[in-house]
Amino acid sequence: MAGRQLLAALILLLALLAPAQAQVLGAATSPPAWSTLNAQQRTALAPLSKEWNSLPETRKQKWLGIARRYAALSPVEQARMQDRMREWVALTPAQRDLARNQYKKLRTAPQEQKIELSRKWQEYEALSNEEKERLQAAPIARIAVPANASQPAAPYATAVPKLLVQAPPSSKSRPLAVVAPISSQSP
């Protein structure tokens, strides 16, 4: 009899404490508002400040993970990270989705394809600034990408408007294409 009363009292106590425990756990795991971020987080995530409070919880958690690694980066890497955040913020939601999809595709691409892409990028990076400018100024073909497309028209084209897709320097050709969303208005 005493055992049953003790068990009933324990169950009642747990039932009373459950809502309070849920509030504590919810507060600890819910992403903070911009005003509650610490100084290091606000510094690292500064380019996102205007839209922070409207971001979904999952995105906030990802950005907070990036902010944790920010302090360990060199000043050059920190500047590059923030430049990329500013570019990201400038993208439309559809462009962001397209970029995420392309990133996922690249991660699952065959190793040979990744190696080839890396080789082409290294060749481009090795060009002088003048050669890069010459390639960027050259007339190029456009690839039409519907604004609502989930897949780009060209492999590994990103969602950045008018992104230049370069031919490898060894091919001695002009840039391959500019990827730009299709609008209903003519250019």
Protein backbone atom coordinates (compact mmCIF):
# COMPACT_ATOMS: atom_id res chain seq x y z
CA MET A 1 0.00 0.00 0.00
CA ALA A 2 2.77 2.46 0.92
CA GLY A 3 4.62 1.46 -2.28
CA ARG A 4 1.59 2.31 -4.40
CA GLN A 5 1.20 5.68 -2.70
CA LEU A 6 4.89 6.41 -3.26
CA LEU A 7 4.60 5.43 -6.94
CA ALA A 8 1.48 7.61 -7.35
CA ALA A 9 3.23 10.55 -5.68
CA LEU A 10 6.28 10.08 -7.93
CA ILE A 11 4.09 10.00 -11.06
CA LEU A 12 2.24 13.13 -9.90
CA LEU A 13 5.54 14.93 -9.24
CA LEU A 14 6.88 14.00 -12.68
CA ALA A 15 3.64 15.16 -14.31
CA LEU A 16 3.89 18.52 -12.54
CA LEU A 17 7.56 19.00 -13.42
CA ALA A 18 7.27 17.94 -17.09
CA PRO A 19 5.98 21.32 -18.42
CA ALA A 20 8.71 23.22 -16.56
CA GLN A 21 11.37 20.83 -17.88
CA ALA A 22 10.01 21.18 -21.41
CA GLN A 23 10.26 24.99 -21.16
CA VAL A 24 13.87 24.77 -19.95
CA LEU A 25 14.79 22.33 -22.74
CA GLY A 26 12.93 24.39 -25.35
CA ALA A 27 14.72 27.56 -24.28
CA ALA A 28 18.08 25.83 -24.44
CA THR A 29 17.57 24.44 -27.94
CA SER A 30 15.60 27.19 -29.68
CA PRO A 31 17.76 29.45 -31.81
CA PRO A 32 18.25 32.88 -30.29
CA ALA A 33 17.03 36.19 -31.64
CA TRP A 34 19.74 38.48 -33.04
CA SER A 35 19.65 40.65 -29.91
CA THR A 36 20.53 37.67 -27.70
CA LEU A 37 23.61 36.56 -29.67
CA ASN A 38 26.93 37.17 -27.97
CA ALA A 39 29.47 39.64 -29.41
CA GLN A 40 31.52 36.92 -31.13
CA GLN A 41 28.42 35.47 -32.81
CA ARG A 42 27.21 38.92 -33.92
CA THR A 43 30.65 39.71 -35.37
CA ALA A 44 30.85 36.43 -37.25
CA LEU A 45 27.28 36.60 -38.54
CA ALA A 46 27.11 40.38 -39.17
CA PRO A 47 26.13 40.03 -42.86
CA LEU A 48 23.03 38.11 -41.76
CA SER A 49 21.89 40.63 -39.14
CA LYS A 50 18.97 42.10 -41.12
CA GLU A 51 17.38 38.76 -41.89
CA TRP A 52 18.49 36.73 -38.84
CA ASN A 53 15.19 36.85 -36.96
CA SER A 54 13.25 35.65 -40.02
CA LEU A 55 15.51 32.64 -40.72
CA PRO A 56 14.12 29.15 -40.07
CA GLU A 57 15.46 27.45 -36.93
CA THR A 58 17.44 24.87 -38.91
CA ARG A 59 19.26 27.60 -40.84
CA LYS A 60 20.02 29.52 -37.64
CA GLN A 61 21.56 26.39 -36.13
CA LYS A 62 23.78 25.91 -39.22
CA TRP A 63 24.91 29.54 -39.13
CA LEU A 64 25.63 29.30 -35.39
CA GLY A 65 27.85 26.30 -36.13
CA ILE A 66 29.74 28.41 -38.64
CA ALA A 67 30.03 31.23 -36.08
CA ARG A 68 31.65 28.82 -33.59
CA ARG A 69 34.44 28.10 -36.09
CA TYR A 70 34.89 31.75 -37.07
CA ALA A 71 37.26 32.72 -34.26
CA ALA A 72 39.72 29.97 -35.24
CA LEU A 73 40.03 31.33 -38.80
CA SER A 74 42.78 33.66 -39.97
CA PRO A 75 41.76 37.27 -40.69
CA VAL A 76 41.89 36.54 -44.44
CA GLU A 77 39.61 33.50 -44.01
CA GLN A 78 37.26 35.53 -41.79
CA ALA A 79 37.00 38.25 -44.44
CA ARG A 80 36.37 35.66 -47.16
CA MET A 81 33.67 34.00 -45.04
CA GLN A 82 31.89 37.29 -44.50
CA ASP A 83 32.16 38.19 -48.20
CA ARG A 84 30.51 34.89 -49.04
CA MET A 85 27.78 35.54 -46.47
CA ARG A 86 27.10 38.93 -48.09
CA GLU A 87 26.85 37.23 -51.49
CA TRP A 88 24.52 34.61 -50.02
CA VAL A 89 22.25 37.24 -48.48
CA ALA A 90 21.99 38.95 -51.88
CA LEU A 91 20.58 35.80 -53.50
CA THR A 92 16.85 35.25 -53.83
CA PRO A 93 15.33 32.25 -52.04
CA ALA A 94 15.04 30.42 -55.40
CA GLN A 95 18.70 31.10 -56.16
CA ARG A 96 19.68 29.83 -52.70
CA ASP A 97 17.71 26.63 -53.24
CA LEU A 98 19.39 26.15 -56.61
CA ALA A 99 22.83 26.71 -55.06
CA ARG A 100 22.04 24.19 -52.28
CA ASN A 101 20.93 21.62 -54.85
CA GLN A 102 24.09 22.14 -56.89
CA TYR A 103 26.22 21.76 -53.78
CA LYS A 104 24.48 18.49 -52.95
CA LYS A 105 25.05 17.26 -56.51
CA LEU A 106 28.72 18.18 -56.35
CA ARG A 107 29.15 16.33 -53.06
CA THR A 108 27.72 13.16 -54.60
CA ALA A 109 29.45 13.52 -57.99
CA PRO A 110 31.92 10.81 -59.05
CA GLN A 111 35.47 11.39 -57.84
CA GLU A 112 36.77 11.75 -61.41
CA GLN A 113 34.33 14.59 -62.04
CA LYS A 114 35.39 16.35 -58.85
CA ILE A 115 39.06 16.00 -59.79
CA GLU A 116 38.44 17.42 -63.27
CA LEU A 117 36.47 20.35 -61.86
CA SER A 118 39.22 21.02 -59.34
CA ARG A 119 41.87 20.90 -62.07
CA LYS A 120 39.95 23.40 -64.21
CA TRP A 121 39.50 25.72 -61.26
CA GLN A 122 43.23 25.59 -60.44
CA GLU A 123 44.04 26.42 -64.07
CA TYR A 124 41.71 29.40 -63.91
CA GLU A 125 43.15 30.57 -60.60
CA ALA A 126 46.67 30.40 -62.08
CA LEU A 127 45.77 32.94 -64.77
CA SER A 128 46.97 36.52 -64.41
CA ASN A 129 44.40 39.12 -63.44
CA GLU A 130 44.64 40.60 -66.94
CA GLU A 131 43.83 37.22 -68.53
CA LYS A 132 40.88 36.74 -66.19
CA GLU A 133 39.58 40.21 -67.06
CA ARG A 134 40.02 39.48 -70.77
CA LEU A 135 38.01 36.28 -70.43
CA GLN A 136 35.29 38.05 -68.46
CA ALA A 137 35.04 40.83 -71.06
CA ALA A 138 34.79 38.43 -74.02
CA PRO A 139 31.35 37.98 -75.62
CA ILE A 140 29.74 34.82 -74.36
CA ALA A 141 26.69 32.69 -75.03
CA ARG A 142 23.83 32.66 -72.56
CA ILE A 143 22.24 29.52 -71.19
CA ALA A 144 18.58 30.05 -70.37
CA VAL A 145 17.69 28.87 -66.88
CA PRO A 146 14.04 29.22 -65.87
CA ALA A 147 13.74 31.35 -62.74
CA ASN A 148 11.77 28.60 -60.99
CA ALA A 149 14.00 25.76 -62.18
CA SER A 150 15.21 23.33 -59.56
CA GLN A 151 17.97 22.08 -61.85
CA PRO A 152 20.39 24.26 -63.81
CA ALA A 153 20.78 23.92 -67.56
CA ALA A 154 24.55 23.44 -67.31
CA PRO A 155 26.42 21.07 -65.01
CA TYR A 156 27.61 22.75 -61.83
CA ALA A 157 26.30 26.15 -62.80
CA THR A 158 25.37 28.02 -59.65
CA ALA A 159 22.46 30.27 -58.90
CA VAL A 160 24.50 33.46 -58.84
CA PRO A 161 23.02 35.65 -61.56
CA LYS A 162 25.23 35.97 -64.63
CA LEU A 163 27.90 33.70 -63.20
CA LEU A 164 30.68 33.17 -65.69
CA VAL A 165 31.31 29.55 -66.57
CA GLN A 166 34.87 29.44 -67.89
CA ALA A 167 36.52 27.08 -70.30
CA PRO A 168 39.84 25.76 -69.05
CA PRO A 169 42.73 28.00 -70.14
CA SER A 170 44.42 25.10 -71.93
CA SER A 171 41.49 24.85 -74.34
CA LYS A 172 42.31 28.34 -75.72
CA SER A 173 38.64 29.12 -76.04
CA ARG A 174 36.40 31.86 -74.78
CA PRO A 175 34.17 31.47 -71.72
CA LEU A 176 31.51 28.85 -72.18
CA ALA A 177 28.43 30.62 -70.90
CA VAL A 178 26.76 33.00 -68.55
CA VAL A 179 24.05 31.44 -66.44
CA ALA A 180 21.22 33.88 -65.82
CA PRO A 181 17.64 33.27 -64.69
CA ILE A 182 15.01 33.67 -67.40
CA SER A 183 12.62 36.50 -66.76
CA SER A 184 9.31 37.08 -68.42
CA GLN A 185 10.66 40.36 -69.77
CA SER A 186 13.00 40.40 -72.72
CA PRO A 187 16.56 41.72 -72.05
